[in-house]
């Protein structure tokens, strides 16, 4: 019976983390697509409501809702970026080297 080496365990663990990250990236991508579709529809609704004469509280509400959806999309995009950087950061930590963003920041100083 052969024991698996720490390197084999690390490789398997990194592969599992990468698989999880891929699934999260796909889910975040779908969320972003959905939010973009909602944003487009809200803009269309707001434009249609604005065609009616006179001020409307519906327009203000739609504008606020559209802004909230856009802001949420930006937050999800930022999260997606952070998740995308995880494998490099984990590998760097396991190798004992600085993560790529830390090396870049150190080089700019």
Protein backbone atom coordinates (compact mmCIF):
# COMPACT_ATOMS: atom_id res chain seq x y z
CA UNK A 1 0.00 0.00 0.00
CA UNK A 2 1.60 3.28 -1.12
CA UNK A 3 1.17 6.44 0.90
CA UNK A 4 0.44 9.56 -1.06
CA UNK A 5 3.07 12.25 -0.73
CA UNK A 6 2.32 15.76 0.54
CA UNK A 7 2.94 17.03 -2.99
CA UNK A 8 0.26 14.66 -4.35
CA UNK A 9 -2.18 15.83 -1.70
CA UNK A 10 -1.37 19.48 -2.47
CA UNK A 11 -1.82 18.92 -6.19
CA UNK A 12 -5.16 17.21 -5.64
CA UNK A 13 -6.31 19.96 -3.28
CA UNK A 14 -5.31 22.70 -5.73
CA UNK A 15 -7.17 20.88 -8.52
CA UNK A 16 -10.28 20.73 -6.32
CA UNK A 17 -9.96 24.44 -5.49
CA UNK A 18 -9.53 25.29 -9.16
CA UNK A 19 -12.63 23.27 -10.02
CA UNK A 20 -14.60 25.10 -7.34
CA UNK A 21 -13.32 28.44 -8.57
CA UNK A 22 -14.37 27.59 -12.13
CA UNK A 23 -17.88 26.77 -10.92
CA UNK A 24 -18.04 30.04 -8.92
CA UNK A 25 -16.82 32.03 -11.93
CA UNK A 26 -19.53 30.45 -14.08
CA UNK A 27 -22.19 31.23 -11.48
CA UNK A 28 -20.97 34.80 -11.11
CA UNK A 29 -20.97 35.17 -14.89
CA UNK A 30 -24.60 34.03 -15.03
CA UNK A 31 -25.49 36.47 -12.25
CA UNK A 32 -23.81 39.31 -14.16
CA UNK A 33 -25.64 38.36 -17.36
CA UNK A 34 -28.96 38.34 -15.48
CA UNK A 35 -28.24 41.69 -13.85
CA UNK A 36 -27.33 43.18 -17.23
CA UNK A 37 -30.61 41.93 -18.71
CA UNK A 38 -32.50 43.39 -15.76
CA UNK A 39 -30.67 46.70 -16.17
CA UNK A 40 -31.56 46.82 -19.86
CA UNK A 41 -35.22 46.05 -19.14
CA UNK A 42 -35.38 48.64 -16.36
CA UNK A 43 -33.93 51.26 -18.70
CA UNK A 44 -36.51 50.36 -21.34
CA UNK A 45 -39.33 50.63 -18.79
CA UNK A 46 -37.98 53.94 -17.50
CA UNK A 47 -37.75 55.30 -21.05
CA UNK A 48 -41.34 54.22 -21.77
CA UNK A 49 -42.62 55.81 -18.56
CA UNK A 50 -40.78 59.05 -19.34
CA UNK A 51 -42.76 59.34 -22.60
CA UNK A 52 -45.88 60.10 -20.53
CA UNK A 53 -46.31 63.80 -19.69
CA UNK A 54 -45.74 65.04 -16.16
CA UNK A 55 -43.49 63.98 -13.31
CA UNK A 56 -43.86 60.48 -11.97
CA UNK A 57 -42.62 58.86 -8.77
CA UNK A 58 -42.39 55.64 -10.81
CA UNK A 59 -39.57 57.16 -12.87
CA UNK A 60 -37.58 58.00 -9.75
CA UNK A 61 -38.14 54.51 -8.33
CA UNK A 62 -37.09 52.87 -11.60
CA UNK A 63 -33.98 55.05 -11.78
CA UNK A 64 -33.07 54.10 -8.20
CA UNK A 65 -33.73 50.42 -8.88
CA UNK A 66 -31.62 50.55 -12.03
CA UNK A 67 -28.80 52.19 -10.08
CA UNK A 68 -28.99 49.50 -7.40
CA UNK A 69 -28.86 46.70 -9.99
CA UNK A 70 -25.87 48.34 -11.70
CA UNK A 71 -24.11 48.74 -8.35
CA UNK A 72 -24.80 45.09 -7.46
CA UNK A 73 -23.40 44.03 -10.82
CA UNK A 74 -20.22 46.01 -10.17
CA UNK A 75 -19.88 44.32 -6.78
CA UNK A 76 -20.30 40.88 -8.31
CA UNK A 77 -17.76 41.73 -10.99
CA UNK A 78 -15.28 42.76 -8.27
CA UNK A 79 -15.96 39.49 -6.43
CA UNK A 80 -15.44 37.56 -9.65
CA UNK A 81 -12.07 39.25 -10.10
CA UNK A 82 -11.03 38.39 -6.54
CA UNK A 83 -12.09 34.76 -6.99
CA UNK A 84 -10.12 34.60 -10.24
CA UNK A 85 -6.97 35.63 -8.35
CA UNK A 86 -7.37 32.92 -5.67
CA UNK A 87 -5.41 30.09 -7.35
CA UNK A 88 -2.35 32.29 -7.88
CA UNK A 89 -2.52 33.59 -4.32
CA UNK A 90 -2.91 30.09 -2.89
CA UNK A 91 -0.07 28.72 -5.01
CA UNK A 92 2.16 31.62 -4.02
CA UNK A 93 1.34 31.08 -0.35
CA UNK A 94 2.07 27.38 -0.62
CA UNK A 95 5.36 28.08 -2.42
CA UNK A 96 6.29 30.64 0.23
CA UNK A 97 6.46 33.49 -2.27
CA UNK A 98 4.54 36.75 -2.30
CA UNK A 99 1.20 36.77 -4.18
CA UNK A 100 1.34 38.44 -7.63
CA UNK A 101 -0.43 41.62 -6.43
CA UNK A 102 2.02 41.97 -3.52
CA UNK A 103 4.99 41.59 -5.87
CA UNK A 104 3.50 44.17 -8.23
CA UNK A 105 2.86 46.61 -5.38
CA UNK A 106 6.39 46.11 -4.09
CA UNK A 107 7.85 46.73 -7.51
CA UNK A 108 5.93 50.01 -7.86
CA UNK A 109 7.21 51.36 -4.54
